[in-house]
């Protein structure tokens, strides 16, 4: 079992989802483009990007840079939530 999965066994996934949402909400650009975290599981994070006129390119499709940024947002949200989980588990271990 990987370290990340072992921590998820001790840390509620709902808490990780809340942390990932807080990370996105605290960053104005992510709010501007309408990104939200919709799901957090053992090894996956699901984000939603509202594709409106400000996100589309001239042919009406989502711009490629918006899709690239979505991947970066996913990585950032996942990393922040996992880091918070590590800190919480370490604090709990130190208290015992």
N, C-alpha and C. Protein backbone atom coordinates (compact mmCIF):
# COMPACT_ATOMS: atom_id res chain seq x y z
N UNK A 1 0.84 -1.17 0.00
CA UNK A 1 0.00 0.00 0.00
C UNK A 1 0.89 1.24 0.00
N UNK A 2 0.59 2.19 -0.86
CA UNK A 2 1.40 3.41 -0.93
C UNK A 2 1.11 4.29 0.28
N UNK A 3 2.02 5.20 0.54
CA UNK A 3 1.84 6.12 1.67
C UNK A 3 0.58 6.94 1.52
N UNK A 4 0.32 7.42 0.32
CA UNK A 4 -0.88 8.23 0.09
C UNK A 4 -2.15 7.47 0.41
N UNK A 5 -2.22 6.22 -0.03
CA UNK A 5 -3.41 5.42 0.25
C UNK A 5 -3.52 5.08 1.72
N UNK A 6 -2.39 4.85 2.39
CA UNK A 6 -2.42 4.55 3.81
C UNK A 6 -2.98 5.75 4.58
N UNK A 7 -2.61 6.94 4.18
CA UNK A 7 -3.12 8.13 4.84
C UNK A 7 -4.61 8.28 4.61
N UNK A 8 -5.07 7.99 3.41
CA UNK A 8 -6.50 8.10 3.15
C UNK A 8 -7.30 7.14 4.01
N UNK A 9 -6.69 6.04 4.42
CA UNK A 9 -7.37 5.13 5.32
C UNK A 9 -7.59 5.76 6.68
N UNK A 10 -6.76 6.73 7.07
CA UNK A 10 -6.86 7.39 8.36
C UNK A 10 -7.56 8.75 8.26
N UNK A 11 -7.61 9.31 7.09
CA UNK A 11 -8.10 10.66 6.88
C UNK A 11 -9.36 10.58 6.02
N UNK A 12 -10.42 11.21 6.43
CA UNK A 12 -11.68 11.12 5.70
C UNK A 12 -11.58 11.78 4.33
N UNK A 13 -12.05 11.08 3.32
CA UNK A 13 -12.01 11.61 1.95
C UNK A 13 -12.84 12.89 1.87
N UNK A 14 -13.91 12.99 2.64
CA UNK A 14 -14.72 14.21 2.64
C UNK A 14 -13.89 15.41 3.10
N UNK A 15 -12.98 15.19 4.04
CA UNK A 15 -12.10 16.28 4.49
C UNK A 15 -11.14 16.68 3.38
N UNK A 16 -10.63 15.70 2.66
CA UNK A 16 -9.72 16.01 1.55
C UNK A 16 -10.46 16.80 0.47
N UNK A 17 -11.70 16.42 0.19
CA UNK A 17 -12.50 17.15 -0.79
C UNK A 17 -12.69 18.59 -0.34
N UNK A 18 -12.99 18.79 0.93
CA UNK A 18 -13.19 20.14 1.46
C UNK A 18 -11.91 20.97 1.35
N UNK A 19 -10.78 20.35 1.65
CA UNK A 19 -9.49 21.06 1.55
C UNK A 19 -9.22 21.44 0.10
N UNK A 20 -9.42 20.50 -0.83
CA UNK A 20 -9.19 20.78 -2.25
C UNK A 20 -10.08 21.93 -2.72
N UNK A 21 -11.33 21.95 -2.26
CA UNK A 21 -12.24 23.04 -2.63
C UNK A 21 -11.77 24.37 -2.05
N UNK A 22 -11.26 24.36 -0.82
CA UNK A 22 -10.74 25.59 -0.21
C UNK A 22 -9.54 26.12 -0.98
N UNK A 23 -8.69 25.21 -1.43
CA UNK A 23 -7.50 25.62 -2.19
C UNK A 23 -7.93 26.34 -3.46
N UNK A 24 -8.89 25.78 -4.18
CA UNK A 24 -9.34 26.41 -5.42
C UNK A 24 -10.05 27.73 -5.14
N UNK A 25 -10.89 27.77 -4.12
CA UNK A 25 -11.66 28.97 -3.81
C UNK A 25 -10.78 30.14 -3.39
N UNK A 26 -9.60 29.85 -2.86
CA UNK A 26 -8.70 30.89 -2.38
C UNK A 26 -7.89 31.54 -3.50
N UNK A 27 -8.02 31.03 -4.71
CA UNK A 27 -7.22 31.55 -5.82
C UNK A 27 -8.12 32.23 -6.85
N UNK A 28 -8.04 33.55 -6.95
CA UNK A 28 -8.95 34.31 -7.80
C UNK A 28 -9.02 33.84 -9.26
N UNK A 29 -7.88 33.45 -9.83
CA UNK A 29 -7.92 33.02 -11.24
C UNK A 29 -8.77 31.77 -11.40
N UNK A 30 -8.67 30.86 -10.47
CA UNK A 30 -9.47 29.64 -10.55
C UNK A 30 -10.95 29.95 -10.42
N UNK A 31 -11.27 30.94 -9.60
CA UNK A 31 -12.66 31.38 -9.46
C UNK A 31 -13.10 32.05 -10.77
N UNK A 32 -12.24 32.88 -11.35
CA UNK A 32 -12.55 33.58 -12.59
C UNK A 32 -12.94 32.62 -13.71
N UNK A 33 -12.19 31.54 -13.87
CA UNK A 33 -12.48 30.61 -14.96
C UNK A 33 -13.56 29.60 -14.59
N UNK A 34 -14.01 29.60 -13.35
CA UNK A 34 -15.14 28.76 -12.96
C UNK A 34 -14.79 27.31 -12.70
N UNK A 35 -13.64 27.05 -12.11
CA UNK A 35 -13.22 25.68 -11.81
C UNK A 35 -13.75 25.27 -10.45
N UNK A 36 -14.25 24.03 -10.35
CA UNK A 36 -14.68 23.51 -9.05
C UNK A 36 -14.29 22.04 -8.93
N UNK A 37 -14.00 21.61 -7.70
CA UNK A 37 -13.71 20.21 -7.43
C UNK A 37 -15.04 19.52 -7.18
N UNK A 38 -15.33 18.47 -7.93
CA UNK A 38 -16.61 17.79 -7.78
C UNK A 38 -16.49 16.42 -7.12
N UNK A 39 -15.28 15.86 -7.09
CA UNK A 39 -15.13 14.50 -6.53
C UNK A 39 -13.68 14.31 -6.10
N UNK A 40 -13.51 13.62 -4.99
CA UNK A 40 -12.17 13.27 -4.51
C UNK A 40 -12.25 11.84 -3.99
N UNK A 41 -11.43 10.97 -4.52
CA UNK A 41 -11.42 9.56 -4.12
C UNK A 41 -9.99 9.16 -3.80
N UNK A 42 -9.76 7.87 -3.59
CA UNK A 42 -8.45 7.38 -3.19
C UNK A 42 -7.31 7.92 -4.05
N UNK A 43 -7.44 7.82 -5.34
CA UNK A 43 -6.34 8.23 -6.23
C UNK A 43 -6.81 9.15 -7.35
N UNK A 44 -8.00 9.72 -7.22
CA UNK A 44 -8.51 10.60 -8.27
C UNK A 44 -9.11 11.88 -7.71
N UNK A 45 -8.97 12.92 -8.48
CA UNK A 45 -9.64 14.19 -8.20
C UNK A 45 -10.38 14.55 -9.47
N UNK A 46 -11.64 14.95 -9.34
CA UNK A 46 -12.42 15.35 -10.51
C UNK A 46 -12.75 16.83 -10.39
N UNK A 47 -12.43 17.58 -11.43
CA UNK A 47 -12.73 19.00 -11.47
C UNK A 47 -13.69 19.29 -12.61
N UNK A 48 -14.43 20.35 -12.45
CA UNK A 48 -15.35 20.79 -13.50
C UNK A 48 -14.94 22.20 -13.90
N UNK A 49 -14.92 22.44 -15.19
CA UNK A 49 -14.61 23.76 -15.74
C UNK A 49 -15.82 24.22 -16.54
N UNK A 50 -16.40 25.33 -16.15
CA UNK A 50 -17.54 25.89 -16.89
C UNK A 50 -17.01 26.46 -18.20
N UNK A 51 -17.43 25.87 -19.31
CA UNK A 51 -16.96 26.35 -20.62
C UNK A 51 -17.99 27.34 -21.15
N UNK A 52 -17.65 28.62 -20.97
CA UNK A 52 -18.50 29.67 -21.52
C UNK A 52 -17.70 30.46 -22.55
N UNK A 53 -18.20 31.57 -22.98
CA UNK A 53 -17.55 32.33 -24.05
C UNK A 53 -16.13 32.76 -23.71
N UNK A 54 -15.84 33.03 -22.44
CA UNK A 54 -14.49 33.48 -22.09
C UNK A 54 -13.47 32.35 -22.15
N UNK A 55 -13.92 31.11 -22.21
CA UNK A 55 -13.05 29.94 -22.25
C UNK A 55 -12.92 29.36 -23.67
N UNK A 56 -13.84 29.70 -24.55
CA UNK A 56 -13.85 29.13 -25.90
C UNK A 56 -12.88 29.85 -26.83
N UNK A 57 -12.37 29.09 -27.81
CA UNK A 57 -11.57 29.69 -28.87
C UNK A 57 -12.50 30.10 -30.01
N UNK A 58 -11.96 30.62 -31.09
CA UNK A 58 -12.76 31.19 -32.17
C UNK A 58 -13.69 30.21 -32.88
N UNK A 59 -13.44 28.90 -32.74
CA UNK A 59 -14.29 27.90 -33.40
C UNK A 59 -15.35 27.33 -32.46
N UNK A 60 -15.43 27.86 -31.25
CA UNK A 60 -16.48 27.48 -30.33
C UNK A 60 -16.14 26.34 -29.37
N UNK A 61 -14.93 25.84 -29.43
CA UNK A 61 -14.49 24.76 -28.54
C UNK A 61 -13.72 25.33 -27.35
N UNK A 62 -13.61 24.54 -26.30
CA UNK A 62 -12.79 24.96 -25.16
C UNK A 62 -11.35 25.16 -25.65
N UNK A 63 -10.76 26.26 -25.27
CA UNK A 63 -9.39 26.57 -25.67
C UNK A 63 -8.43 25.56 -25.04
N UNK A 64 -7.42 25.15 -25.77
CA UNK A 64 -6.46 24.16 -25.28
C UNK A 64 -5.75 24.59 -24.01
N UNK A 65 -5.48 25.88 -23.87
CA UNK A 65 -4.81 26.34 -22.65
C UNK A 65 -5.73 26.18 -21.44
N UNK A 66 -7.04 26.30 -21.63
CA UNK A 66 -7.98 26.09 -20.52
C UNK A 66 -7.92 24.64 -20.06
N UNK A 67 -7.79 23.73 -20.99
CA UNK A 67 -7.70 22.31 -20.63
C UNK A 67 -6.38 22.01 -19.92
N UNK A 68 -5.31 22.66 -20.37
CA UNK A 68 -4.01 22.49 -19.71
C UNK A 68 -4.05 23.03 -18.28
N UNK A 69 -4.66 24.18 -18.12
CA UNK A 69 -4.76 24.78 -16.79
C UNK A 69 -5.61 23.91 -15.87
N UNK A 70 -6.63 23.28 -16.42
CA UNK A 70 -7.46 22.38 -15.61
C UNK A 70 -6.61 21.27 -15.02
N UNK A 71 -5.69 20.73 -15.78
CA UNK A 71 -4.78 19.69 -15.28
C UNK A 71 -3.90 20.25 -14.17
N UNK A 72 -3.39 21.45 -14.34
CA UNK A 72 -2.57 22.07 -13.29
C UNK A 72 -3.38 22.30 -12.02
N UNK A 73 -4.64 22.74 -12.18
CA UNK A 73 -5.50 22.94 -11.01
C UNK A 73 -5.72 21.63 -10.28
N UNK A 74 -5.95 20.57 -11.03
CA UNK A 74 -6.18 19.25 -10.44
C UNK A 74 -4.96 18.82 -9.63
N UNK A 75 -3.79 19.01 -10.20
CA UNK A 75 -2.56 18.64 -9.51
C UNK A 75 -2.39 19.46 -8.24
N UNK A 76 -2.64 20.75 -8.32
CA UNK A 76 -2.52 21.61 -7.15
C UNK A 76 -3.51 21.27 -6.06
N UNK A 77 -4.75 21.02 -6.43
CA UNK A 77 -5.77 20.68 -5.43
C UNK A 77 -5.45 19.36 -4.75
N UNK A 78 -5.03 18.39 -5.54
CA UNK A 78 -4.69 17.07 -5.00
C UNK A 78 -3.48 17.17 -4.08
N UNK A 79 -2.46 17.88 -4.50
CA UNK A 79 -1.24 18.01 -3.70
C UNK A 79 -1.53 18.72 -2.39
N UNK A 80 -2.30 19.78 -2.44
CA UNK A 80 -2.63 20.53 -1.22
C UNK A 80 -3.43 19.67 -0.24
N UNK A 81 -4.40 18.93 -0.75
CA UNK A 81 -5.21 18.09 0.13
C UNK A 81 -4.37 16.98 0.74
N UNK A 82 -3.53 16.35 -0.06
CA UNK A 82 -2.67 15.28 0.47
C UNK A 82 -1.68 15.83 1.49
N UNK A 83 -1.13 17.03 1.24
CA UNK A 83 -0.21 17.64 2.19
C UNK A 83 -0.90 17.90 3.52
N UNK A 84 -2.14 18.37 3.46
CA UNK A 84 -2.90 18.60 4.68
C UNK A 84 -3.14 17.28 5.41
N UNK A 85 -3.40 16.22 4.65
CA UNK A 85 -3.61 14.90 5.26
C UNK A 85 -2.33 14.43 5.95
N UNK A 86 -1.19 14.59 5.31
CA UNK A 86 0.08 14.21 5.92
C UNK A 86 0.31 14.96 7.23
N UNK A 87 0.06 16.29 7.19
CA UNK A 87 0.26 17.09 8.40
C UNK A 87 -0.66 16.64 9.53
N UNK A 88 -1.91 16.35 9.19
CA UNK A 88 -2.87 15.93 10.22
C UNK A 88 -2.47 14.58 10.84
N UNK A 89 -2.05 13.65 9.99
CA UNK A 89 -1.63 12.34 10.49
C UNK A 89 -0.39 12.48 11.35
N UNK A 90 0.56 13.33 10.94
CA UNK A 90 1.76 13.56 11.73
C UNK A 90 1.43 14.18 13.07
N UNK A 91 0.51 15.13 13.09
CA UNK A 91 0.11 15.76 14.34
C UNK A 91 -0.56 14.76 15.26
N UNK A 92 -1.41 13.91 14.70
CA UNK A 92 -2.08 12.88 15.51
C UNK A 92 -1.06 11.91 16.08
N UNK A 93 -0.06 11.56 15.29
CA UNK A 93 0.99 10.64 15.75
C UNK A 93 1.83 11.27 16.86
N UNK A 94 2.09 12.56 16.74
CA UNK A 94 2.88 13.27 17.75
C UNK A 94 2.12 13.39 19.07
N UNK A 95 0.80 13.46 18.97
CA UNK A 95 -0.03 13.60 20.18
C UNK A 95 -0.16 12.28 20.94
N UNK A 96 0.10 11.18 20.27
CA UNK A 96 -0.08 9.87 20.91
C UNK A 96 1.11 9.42 21.69
